Amino acid sequence: MRANELSFLIADDHPLFRSALQQVIKQLYPQAHLYEAASVAELQQQAEQHRDVELLLLDLHMPGALGYSALSWFSGQYPDTPVIMISANSYPETVRRALDHGAAGFLSKSAEVTDMADCIARVMAGERGLHPGLNAAGNGASLQSLDIADALSSLTPQQFRVVSMLVEGLLNKQIAYELNVKEATIKAHMTEIFRKLGVHSRTQAVLAIGSLSVELPQNLAVPPPV
């Protein structure tokens, strides 16, 4: 595929950082098509509309996601599209778990532009497991979180939105209002979500999905020693 046919999706809720990533990509692929998303809902819409996307750059802390849930869902729905996860939280466990959950690479938001460009180019060339300048020797993903990630990857876009709102503590009628559907529809979604997650209640579902959460370090401005 020629460079002018390449498409990239940048999912981050900070406009300035989205703009910075756009500039990095444009330096590499001046004619590339760039799409943006500021939330998981927008990510789902863009991914559905632009199935030719070659690479997703995904913020770890996206509105509508819990930890690695968006990464897990997207990787399951679009297995041929690599994902580079980006975050200010570049602690070893965060990096290791992102790679375990399917990220092709991990970039710190404080990375040099040259490192970002090099990582993007290498992932586009087929390399995986990249984390320039970072330590990925932390504890990996647990078996439980990998199982839950696998279950989330099988959810439909609407079911994933329901799960996100469930984790936020919304009741069925509130979720129905937000999604503009009947409460009976949400109950049907819940039944299917519980089945896929292997749970029997809302509380169990929230606890299960919690295995994908990320504990923020006290000071993200000071990265750990490499």
Protein backbone atom coordinates (compact mmCIF):
# COMPACT_ATOMS: atom_id res chain seq x y z
CA MET A 1 0.00 0.00 0.00
CA ARG A 2 1.36 3.43 -0.96
CA ALA A 3 2.02 6.05 1.73
CA ASN A 4 -0.73 8.31 0.38
CA GLU A 5 -3.23 5.50 0.96
CA LEU A 6 -2.32 4.92 4.59
CA SER A 7 -4.86 5.74 7.30
CA PHE A 8 -4.20 6.36 10.98
CA LEU A 9 -6.58 6.72 13.93
CA ILE A 10 -5.52 8.81 16.93
CA ALA A 11 -7.62 8.23 20.04
CA ASP A 12 -6.82 10.69 22.83
CA ASP A 13 -9.04 13.11 24.72
CA HIS A 14 -6.42 15.89 24.72
CA PRO A 15 -6.61 17.97 21.49
CA LEU A 16 -3.07 19.31 21.84
CA PHE A 17 -1.58 15.83 22.09
CA ARG A 18 -3.68 14.61 19.16
CA SER A 19 -2.29 17.51 17.17
CA ALA A 20 1.27 16.61 18.18
CA LEU A 21 0.78 13.02 17.04
CA GLN A 22 -0.68 14.24 13.76
CA GLN A 23 2.47 16.25 13.12
CA VAL A 24 4.67 13.23 13.84
CA ILE A 25 2.69 11.05 11.43
CA LYS A 26 2.59 13.74 8.74
CA GLN A 27 6.38 13.95 8.86
CA LEU A 28 6.55 10.23 8.12
CA TYR A 29 3.61 9.95 5.74
CA PRO A 30 2.72 13.40 4.34
CA GLN A 31 -0.24 12.13 2.30
CA ALA A 32 -1.71 9.84 4.96
CA HIS A 33 -5.33 10.09 6.08
CA LEU A 34 -5.73 10.95 9.76
CA TYR A 35 -8.81 10.34 11.89
CA GLU A 36 -9.42 11.41 15.50
CA ALA A 37 -11.38 10.19 18.50
CA ALA A 38 -11.74 11.81 21.92
CA SER A 39 -13.62 8.95 23.61
CA VAL A 40 -14.21 5.22 23.25
CA ALA A 41 -17.59 5.91 21.64
CA GLU A 42 -15.89 8.06 18.98
CA LEU A 43 -13.16 5.43 18.59
CA GLN A 44 -15.81 2.82 17.84
CA GLN A 45 -17.52 5.10 15.32
CA GLN A 46 -14.31 5.96 13.51
CA ALA A 47 -13.14 2.34 13.43
CA GLU A 48 -16.48 1.26 11.95
CA GLN A 49 -16.46 4.02 9.33
CA HIS A 50 -12.79 3.61 8.38
CA ARG A 51 -12.01 -0.07 8.35
CA ASP A 52 -8.88 0.58 6.30
CA VAL A 53 -7.07 2.13 9.30
CA GLU A 54 -3.50 0.82 9.40
CA LEU A 55 -2.58 1.87 12.94
CA LEU A 56 -4.35 3.00 16.11
CA LEU A 57 -2.56 5.28 18.57
CA LEU A 58 -4.52 4.83 21.79
CA ASP A 59 -4.37 6.83 25.01
CA LEU A 60 -4.42 4.55 28.04
CA HIS A 61 -6.88 6.74 29.94
CA MET A 62 -9.63 7.27 27.39
CA PRO A 63 -13.12 8.39 28.47
CA GLY A 64 -15.32 5.30 28.32
CA ALA A 65 -12.51 2.84 29.06
CA LEU A 66 -11.19 1.21 32.22
CA GLY A 67 -7.49 0.52 32.04
CA TYR A 68 -6.78 -1.85 29.18
CA SER A 69 -10.43 -2.48 28.30
CA ALA A 70 -10.44 -0.37 25.11
CA LEU A 71 -7.19 -1.97 23.96
CA SER A 72 -8.61 -5.44 24.61
CA TRP A 73 -11.87 -4.70 22.82
CA PHE A 74 -10.26 -3.07 19.78
CA SER A 75 -7.60 -5.79 19.40
CA GLY A 76 -10.31 -8.44 19.39
CA GLN A 77 -12.53 -6.62 16.90
CA TYR A 78 -9.71 -5.50 14.59
CA PRO A 79 -6.94 -8.07 15.02
CA ASP A 80 -5.11 -6.98 11.87
CA THR A 81 -4.74 -3.37 13.03
CA PRO A 82 -1.78 -2.83 15.38
CA VAL A 83 -2.14 -0.55 18.39
CA ILE A 84 0.48 1.70 19.95
CA MET A 85 -0.56 2.61 23.48
CA ILE A 86 0.45 6.04 24.73
CA SER A 87 0.43 7.30 28.30
CA ALA A 88 2.11 9.57 30.82
CA ASN A 89 2.12 6.49 33.07
CA SER A 90 5.18 4.65 31.79
CA TYR A 91 5.95 2.54 34.83
CA PRO A 92 7.26 -0.97 34.06
CA GLU A 93 4.08 -2.78 35.09
CA THR A 94 1.94 -0.46 32.96
CA VAL A 95 4.13 -1.05 29.91
CA ARG A 96 4.36 -4.82 30.43
CA ARG A 97 0.62 -5.25 30.86
CA ALA A 98 -0.15 -3.18 27.77
CA LEU A 99 2.12 -5.38 25.68
CA ASP A 100 0.60 -8.51 27.25
CA HIS A 101 -2.86 -7.26 26.32
CA GLY A 102 -1.93 -6.91 22.68
CA ALA A 103 -0.32 -3.52 22.16
CA ALA A 104 2.27 -3.54 19.39
CA GLY A 105 4.17 -0.81 21.17
CA PHE A 106 4.10 1.60 24.10
CA LEU A 107 5.14 5.25 24.01
CA SER A 108 5.53 7.67 26.88
CA LYS A 109 3.83 11.01 26.31
CA SER A 110 7.15 12.60 27.21
CA ALA A 111 9.04 10.66 24.52
CA GLU A 112 11.16 12.54 22.01
CA VAL A 113 9.51 13.18 18.66
CA THR A 114 12.24 11.15 16.97
CA ASP A 115 11.47 8.16 19.22
CA MET A 116 7.75 8.43 18.47
CA ALA A 117 8.38 8.59 14.74
CA ASP A 118 10.80 5.66 14.86
CA CYS A 119 8.37 3.53 16.88
CA ILE A 120 5.48 4.27 14.50
CA ALA A 121 7.60 3.46 11.45
CA ARG A 122 8.83 0.19 12.95
CA VAL A 123 5.33 -0.94 13.94
CA MET A 124 4.15 -0.12 10.42
CA ALA A 125 7.01 -2.28 9.16
CA GLY A 126 5.70 -5.22 11.20
CA GLU A 127 7.72 -5.04 14.41
CA ARG A 128 6.00 -5.66 17.73
CA GLY A 129 6.71 -5.31 21.45
CA LEU A 130 8.37 -1.91 21.11
CA HIS A 131 8.82 0.40 24.11
CA PRO A 132 11.65 2.85 23.33
CA GLY A 133 13.44 4.20 26.39
CA LEU A 134 11.07 2.40 28.75
CA ASN A 135 11.36 -0.54 31.13
CA ALA A 136 8.90 -3.37 30.49
CA ALA A 137 10.20 -5.68 33.23
CA GLY A 138 7.24 -5.14 35.54
CA ASN A 139 4.65 -7.72 36.53
CA GLY A 140 2.73 -8.97 33.52
CA ALA A 141 -1.01 -9.32 33.04
CA SER A 142 -2.72 -11.85 35.30
CA LEU A 143 -4.52 -14.87 33.88
CA GLN A 144 -7.79 -13.39 35.11
CA SER A 145 -7.25 -10.11 33.28
CA LEU A 146 -6.29 -11.97 30.10
CA ASP A 147 -9.48 -14.03 30.34
CA ILE A 148 -11.59 -10.92 30.89
CA ALA A 149 -9.82 -9.17 28.01
CA ASP A 150 -10.66 -12.10 25.77
CA ALA A 151 -14.30 -11.89 26.84
CA LEU A 152 -14.44 -8.13 26.24
CA SER A 153 -13.01 -8.59 22.76
CA SER A 154 -16.14 -10.55 21.82
CA LEU A 155 -18.57 -7.80 22.85
CA THR A 156 -20.44 -5.83 20.23
CA PRO A 157 -19.79 -2.05 20.19
CA GLN A 158 -23.11 -1.45 21.96
CA GLN A 159 -22.39 -4.11 24.59
CA PHE A 160 -19.00 -2.54 25.24
CA ARG A 161 -20.64 0.86 25.77
CA VAL A 162 -23.06 -0.76 28.22
CA VAL A 163 -20.13 -2.33 30.09
CA SER A 164 -18.37 1.04 30.30
CA MET A 165 -21.44 2.65 31.82
CA LEU A 166 -21.96 -0.31 34.14
CA VAL A 167 -18.44 0.22 35.52
CA GLU A 168 -19.27 3.91 36.04
CA GLY A 169 -22.13 2.82 38.29
CA LEU A 170 -25.07 3.71 36.06
CA LEU A 171 -28.34 1.82 36.53
CA ASN A 172 -30.06 0.06 33.64
CA LYS A 173 -32.59 2.86 33.18
CA GLN A 174 -29.80 5.45 33.16
CA ILE A 175 -27.84 3.47 30.57
CA ALA A 176 -31.00 3.13 28.47
CA TYR A 177 -31.49 6.90 28.62
CA GLU A 178 -27.87 7.60 27.61
CA LEU A 179 -28.05 5.18 24.67
CA ASN A 180 -31.61 6.18 23.73
CA VAL A 181 -32.95 2.64 23.86
CA LYS A 182 -35.52 0.80 25.95
CA GLU A 183 -34.57 -0.56 29.36
CA ALA A 184 -35.52 -4.04 28.15
CA THR A 185 -32.80 -3.74 25.51
CA ILE A 186 -30.21 -2.97 28.21
CA LYS A 187 -31.39 -5.95 30.25
CA ALA A 188 -30.90 -8.18 27.21
CA HIS A 189 -27.42 -6.76 26.73
CA MET A 190 -26.64 -7.37 30.40
CA THR A 191 -27.67 -11.02 30.12
CA GLU A 192 -25.31 -11.52 27.19
CA ILE A 193 -22.50 -9.56 28.85
CA PHE A 194 -22.77 -11.65 32.02
CA ARG A 195 -22.67 -14.82 29.93
CA LYS A 196 -19.55 -13.76 28.08
CA LEU A 197 -17.79 -12.60 31.24
CA GLY A 198 -18.80 -15.75 33.12
CA VAL A 199 -20.49 -13.81 35.94
CA HIS A 200 -23.98 -13.69 37.42
CA SER A 201 -24.39 -10.14 38.73
CA ARG A 202 -23.49 -6.51 38.16
CA THR A 203 -21.12 -6.59 41.13
CA GLN A 204 -19.27 -9.62 39.78
CA ALA A 205 -19.04 -7.98 36.37
CA VAL A 206 -17.55 -4.78 37.80
CA LEU A 207 -15.02 -6.76 39.86
CA ALA A 208 -14.04 -8.85 36.84
CA ILE A 209 -13.52 -5.84 34.59
CA GLY A 210 -11.61 -4.20 37.43
CA SER A 211 -8.78 -6.65 36.75
CA LEU A 212 -7.99 -4.50 33.69
CA SER A 213 -7.65 -1.29 35.70
CA VAL A 214 -4.40 0.63 36.04
CA GLU A 215 -3.14 1.94 39.34
CA LEU A 216 -1.74 5.41 38.83
CA PRO A 217 1.64 6.05 40.47
CA GLN A 218 1.88 8.94 42.91
CA ASN A 219 3.94 11.11 40.55
CA LEU A 220 3.67 10.54 36.84
CA ALA A 221 6.10 13.37 36.11
CA VAL A 222 9.02 11.35 37.45
CA PRO A 223 9.48 8.13 35.47
CA PRO A 224 11.09 5.15 37.15
CA PRO A 225 14.74 4.38 36.44
CA VAL A 226 15.26 2.30 33.30
